[in-house]
Amino acid sequence: MQHTELKVGELARRTGLSIRALHHYDEIGLLEPSAHTASGHRLYTAADIARLHHILSLKQLGFSLEEIAGTLGRADFSALRVVELRLQRAREQLAEQRQLCERLDAIARQLRAAEPVSADDFLQTIEAMTMFEKHYTPEQLKELEARRQALGEDAIKEVEAEWPRLIARMREEMEKGTDPAIEPVRALATRWRELIRAFTGGNPGIEKSLQTMSQQEPQMAWRQGRDPRLMEYVGRAMACLDASK
């Protein structure tokens, strides 16, 4: 592994994590930087970055931080095994997406031909569509519905119309290679965060559920034109906003 040493701010920018999260991992002994500068700043080595990959992969698979700590150093949770587990989950998600597309396509063909659609066909499609219930508590869903009613349909339509434009502008800056730490990316990232908060109402629990759903249900992002490369770029821009506070 090539020689790499990153300060906490650079690691946050490169990974899309917040500095606060990295500090927390350090405080609980989950990811302690292996080196420090002469002035005492944290330095993360290539081995630390590999460990971070291990942590985040298991976190996305639903492991708690306490459970992840228990896997570190275990032979049955080697780096290769963790990558294989995450790869398996990614393939399962792709299969789920393909299955939903096939079901919706079949129902669309039947409806276009004015053919009856069976209850089983609708039930199977509903099962594939109920990802929200997987990631949001009943209380959060109730709060989201109340917020939707409070905002009104006109405001919601304006936000829904703005998202594609914002995504397109962010993608344009990414493809130009614009540093996410400078304008105009900072302005776009600020607006991105504002739109998320318009949806979540600033509720940190709902924001966390939204982030988890985006990570575990990639079809949501793809349907909206957000690919993993773009989301990594947005994450870096967000980290830069947090680092400047």
Protein backbone atom coordinates (compact mmCIF):
# COMPACT_ATOMS: atom_id res chain seq x y z
CA MET A 1 0.00 0.00 0.00
CA GLN A 2 1.50 3.31 -0.99
CA HIS A 3 2.62 5.84 1.58
CA THR A 4 -0.28 8.11 2.51
CA GLU A 5 -0.74 10.48 5.42
CA LEU A 6 -3.80 12.70 5.57
CA LYS A 7 -4.85 15.29 8.11
CA VAL A 8 -8.35 14.93 9.50
CA GLY A 9 -9.76 17.74 7.33
CA GLU A 10 -8.37 16.22 4.14
CA LEU A 11 -9.65 12.76 5.09
CA ALA A 12 -13.09 14.25 5.76
CA ARG A 13 -13.04 16.02 2.38
CA ARG A 14 -11.90 12.93 0.49
CA THR A 15 -14.42 10.57 2.12
CA GLY A 16 -17.44 12.84 2.61
CA LEU A 17 -17.45 12.15 6.35
CA SER A 18 -17.65 14.95 8.86
CA ILE A 19 -14.65 15.88 10.98
CA ARG A 20 -16.89 15.36 13.99
CA ALA A 21 -17.53 11.74 12.98
CA LEU A 22 -13.80 11.07 12.58
CA HIS A 23 -13.10 12.64 15.97
CA HIS A 24 -15.82 10.43 17.47
CA TYR A 25 -14.28 7.29 15.96
CA ASP A 26 -10.97 8.38 17.50
CA GLU A 27 -12.51 9.05 20.92
CA ILE A 28 -14.15 5.62 21.15
CA GLY A 29 -11.00 3.84 19.96
CA LEU A 30 -12.50 2.68 16.69
CA LEU A 31 -10.16 4.60 14.39
CA GLU A 32 -7.18 6.19 16.09
CA PRO A 33 -4.76 7.93 13.70
CA SER A 34 -1.42 6.17 13.61
CA ALA A 35 0.66 9.34 13.35
CA HIS A 36 0.69 12.99 14.36
CA THR A 37 2.44 16.07 13.09
CA ALA A 38 5.04 17.85 15.20
CA SER A 39 2.30 20.25 16.31
CA GLY A 40 0.02 17.39 17.36
CA HIS A 41 -2.41 17.25 14.43
CA ARG A 42 -3.81 13.82 13.56
CA LEU A 43 -2.35 12.03 10.55
CA TYR A 44 -4.15 9.06 9.02
CA THR A 45 -1.97 6.50 7.25
CA ALA A 46 -2.88 4.10 4.43
CA ALA A 47 -3.51 1.40 7.05
CA ASP A 48 -5.89 3.75 8.88
CA ILE A 49 -7.77 4.43 5.64
CA ALA A 50 -8.11 0.67 5.03
CA ARG A 51 -9.50 0.34 8.56
CA LEU A 52 -11.95 3.17 7.86
CA HIS A 53 -13.15 1.32 4.76
CA HIS A 54 -13.73 -1.74 6.94
CA ILE A 55 -15.72 0.33 9.45
CA LEU A 56 -17.91 2.07 6.87
CA SER A 57 -18.58 -1.13 4.92
CA LEU A 58 -19.89 -2.87 8.04
CA LYS A 59 -21.80 0.25 9.09
CA GLN A 60 -23.62 0.25 5.73
CA LEU A 61 -24.44 -3.42 6.29
CA GLY A 62 -26.27 -2.46 9.49
CA PHE A 63 -23.63 -3.18 12.13
CA SER A 64 -23.54 -0.87 15.15
CA LEU A 65 -20.26 0.83 16.06
CA GLU A 66 -20.01 -1.47 19.08
CA GLU A 67 -20.45 -4.54 16.89
CA ILE A 68 -17.89 -3.21 14.41
CA ALA A 69 -15.37 -2.76 17.21
CA GLY A 70 -15.85 -6.42 18.08
CA THR A 71 -15.03 -7.53 14.53
CA LEU A 72 -11.72 -5.69 14.22
CA GLY A 73 -8.85 -8.12 14.20
CA ARG A 74 -11.08 -11.18 13.83
CA ALA A 75 -10.05 -13.66 11.14
CA ASP A 76 -13.65 -14.14 10.00
CA PHE A 77 -13.90 -10.38 9.35
CA SER A 78 -10.74 -9.88 7.30
CA ALA A 79 -10.52 -7.00 4.84
CA LEU A 80 -11.32 -9.40 2.00
CA ARG A 81 -14.32 -10.86 3.83
CA VAL A 82 -15.76 -7.41 4.56
CA VAL A 83 -15.36 -6.33 0.93
CA GLU A 84 -17.04 -9.57 -0.19
CA LEU A 85 -19.96 -8.96 2.20
CA ARG A 86 -20.41 -5.40 0.94
CA LEU A 87 -20.13 -6.58 -2.67
CA GLN A 88 -22.78 -9.22 -2.04
CA ARG A 89 -25.14 -6.59 -0.59
CA ALA A 90 -24.53 -4.27 -3.55
CA ARG A 91 -25.40 -7.10 -5.94
CA GLU A 92 -28.55 -7.85 -3.95
CA GLN A 93 -29.57 -4.21 -4.23
CA LEU A 94 -29.02 -4.28 -7.98
CA ALA A 95 -31.11 -7.45 -8.22
CA GLU A 96 -33.89 -5.80 -6.20
CA GLN A 97 -33.82 -2.80 -8.52
CA ARG A 98 -34.00 -4.99 -11.63
CA GLN A 99 -36.85 -6.97 -10.09
CA LEU A 100 -38.85 -3.82 -9.36
CA CYS A 101 -38.26 -2.51 -12.90
CA GLU A 102 -39.42 -5.82 -14.39
CA ARG A 103 -42.57 -5.83 -12.25
CA LEU A 104 -43.46 -2.24 -13.08
CA ASP A 105 -42.75 -2.83 -16.77
CA ALA A 106 -45.02 -5.88 -16.80
CA ILE A 107 -47.86 -4.00 -15.11
CA ALA A 108 -47.41 -1.05 -17.50
CA ARG A 109 -47.69 -3.38 -20.51
CA GLN A 110 -50.87 -4.92 -19.12
CA LEU A 111 -52.43 -1.53 -18.41
CA ARG A 112 -51.54 -0.21 -21.87
CA ALA A 113 -53.26 -3.23 -23.39
CA ALA A 114 -56.29 -2.74 -21.12
CA GLU A 115 -55.63 -6.16 -19.60
CA PRO A 116 -56.56 -6.93 -15.97
CA VAL A 117 -53.72 -6.84 -13.42
CA SER A 118 -53.92 -9.47 -10.69
CA ALA A 119 -53.85 -8.64 -6.99
CA ASP A 120 -50.68 -10.72 -6.65
CA ASP A 121 -48.92 -8.58 -9.25
CA PHE A 122 -49.85 -5.42 -7.38
CA LEU A 123 -48.87 -6.94 -4.01
CA GLN A 124 -45.44 -7.97 -5.28
CA THR A 125 -44.86 -4.50 -6.68
CA ILE A 126 -45.98 -2.85 -3.44
CA GLU A 127 -43.51 -5.04 -1.55
CA ALA A 128 -40.70 -3.78 -3.77
CA MET A 129 -41.85 -0.19 -3.40
CA THR A 130 -42.15 -0.01 0.40
CA MET A 131 -38.55 0.86 1.07
CA PHE A 132 -39.59 3.93 3.05
CA GLU A 133 -41.07 1.72 5.74
CA LYS A 134 -37.73 -0.10 6.01
CA HIS A 135 -35.84 3.04 6.93
CA TYR A 136 -38.27 5.41 8.67
CA THR A 137 -40.04 4.86 11.99
CA PRO A 138 -43.84 5.29 12.09
CA GLU A 139 -43.29 8.52 14.01
CA GLN A 140 -40.93 9.84 11.33
CA LEU A 141 -43.36 8.93 8.54
CA LYS A 142 -46.13 10.74 10.42
CA GLU A 143 -43.90 13.80 10.84
CA LEU A 144 -42.99 13.75 7.14
CA GLU A 145 -46.65 13.61 6.15
CA ALA A 146 -47.49 16.49 8.52
CA ARG A 147 -44.63 18.50 7.05
CA ARG A 148 -45.85 17.76 3.53
CA GLN A 149 -49.30 19.06 4.41
CA ALA A 150 -47.85 22.15 6.12
CA LEU A 151 -45.68 23.02 3.11
CA GLY A 152 -48.51 22.59 0.64
CA GLU A 153 -48.49 21.07 -2.83
CA ASP A 154 -47.23 24.23 -4.58
CA ALA A 155 -44.10 24.47 -2.41
CA ILE A 156 -43.45 20.75 -2.79
CA LYS A 157 -43.73 21.00 -6.58
CA GLU A 158 -41.26 23.91 -6.59
CA VAL A 159 -38.73 21.86 -4.61
CA GLU A 160 -39.26 18.81 -6.82
CA ALA A 161 -38.67 20.99 -9.89
CA GLU A 162 -35.53 22.53 -8.40
CA TRP A 163 -33.81 19.22 -7.56
CA PRO A 164 -33.04 18.20 -11.18
CA ARG A 165 -31.61 21.66 -11.92
CA LEU A 166 -29.47 21.58 -8.78
CA ILE A 167 -28.24 18.06 -9.54
CA ALA A 168 -27.35 19.08 -13.10
CA ARG A 169 -25.40 22.13 -11.91
CA MET A 170 -23.52 20.09 -9.30
CA ARG A 171 -22.69 17.44 -11.90
CA GLU A 172 -21.40 20.15 -14.26
CA GLU A 173 -18.98 21.42 -11.60
CA MET A 174 -17.86 17.87 -10.82
CA GLU A 175 -17.16 17.11 -14.47
CA LYS A 176 -15.20 20.38 -14.82
CA GLY A 177 -13.06 19.25 -11.87
CA THR A 178 -14.01 22.23 -9.68
CA ASP A 179 -12.58 22.01 -6.18
CA PRO A 180 -15.60 21.36 -3.89
CA ALA A 181 -14.12 23.71 -1.30
CA ILE A 182 -14.62 26.84 -3.41
CA GLU A 183 -17.46 28.78 -4.98
CA PRO A 184 -19.73 28.05 -6.80
CA VAL A 185 -19.74 24.52 -5.38
CA ARG A 186 -20.08 25.83 -1.82
CA ALA A 187 -23.23 27.72 -2.83
CA LEU A 188 -24.65 24.64 -4.52
CA ALA A 189 -23.84 22.48 -1.49
CA THR A 190 -25.52 25.03 0.79
CA ARG A 191 -28.67 24.93 -1.34
CA TRP A 192 -28.51 21.11 -1.46
CA ARG A 193 -28.48 21.05 2.34
CA GLU A 194 -31.35 23.56 2.47
CA LEU A 195 -33.52 21.36 0.25
CA ILE A 196 -32.78 18.32 2.40
CA ARG A 197 -33.75 20.27 5.49
CA ALA A 198 -36.91 21.43 3.74
CA PHE A 199 -37.80 17.74 3.50
CA THR A 200 -36.61 16.67 6.97
CA GLY A 201 -37.54 19.81 8.88
CA GLY A 202 -34.06 19.73 10.41
CA ASN A 203 -34.89 16.53 12.32
CA PRO A 204 -31.51 14.76 12.72
CA GLY A 205 -33.21 11.36 13.03
CA ILE A 206 -35.02 11.82 9.72
CA GLU A 207 -31.83 13.11 8.09
CA LYS A 208 -29.99 9.99 9.28
CA SER A 209 -32.79 7.74 7.96
CA LEU A 210 -32.65 9.57 4.62
CA GLN A 211 -28.88 9.06 4.43
CA THR A 212 -29.22 5.36 5.29
CA MET A 213 -31.91 4.88 2.65
CA SER A 214 -29.78 6.61 0.03
CA GLN A 215 -26.84 4.33 0.88
CA GLN A 216 -28.80 1.08 1.06
CA GLU A 217 -31.35 1.76 -1.70
CA PRO A 218 -29.28 3.03 -4.64
CA GLN A 219 -32.29 2.89 -6.96
CA MET A 220 -33.56 6.02 -5.20
CA ALA A 221 -30.48 7.99 -6.20
CA TRP A 222 -30.31 6.54 -9.71
CA ARG A 223 -33.96 7.33 -10.38
CA GLN A 224 -33.26 10.95 -9.48
CA GLY A 225 -30.11 11.13 -11.61
CA ARG A 226 -27.67 10.91 -8.71
CA ASP A 227 -24.90 8.37 -9.21
CA PRO A 228 -22.33 7.26 -6.60
CA ARG A 229 -19.60 9.45 -8.13
CA LEU A 230 -21.79 12.54 -7.87
CA MET A 231 -22.83 11.72 -4.31
CA GLU A 232 -19.18 11.33 -3.32
CA TYR A 233 -18.50 14.79 -4.76
CA VAL A 234 -21.50 16.26 -2.89
CA GLY A 235 -20.26 14.60 0.30
CA ARG A 236 -16.87 16.25 -0.11
CA ALA A 237 -18.56 19.61 -0.64
CA MET A 238 -20.64 19.12 2.52
CA ALA A 239 -17.52 18.19 4.47
CA CYS A 240 -15.88 21.41 3.31
CA LEU A 241 -18.87 23.40 4.55
CA ASP A 242 -18.66 21.66 7.94
CA ALA A 243 -14.90 22.19 8.17
CA SER A 244 -15.29 25.94 7.62
CA LYS A 245 -17.66 26.39 10.55
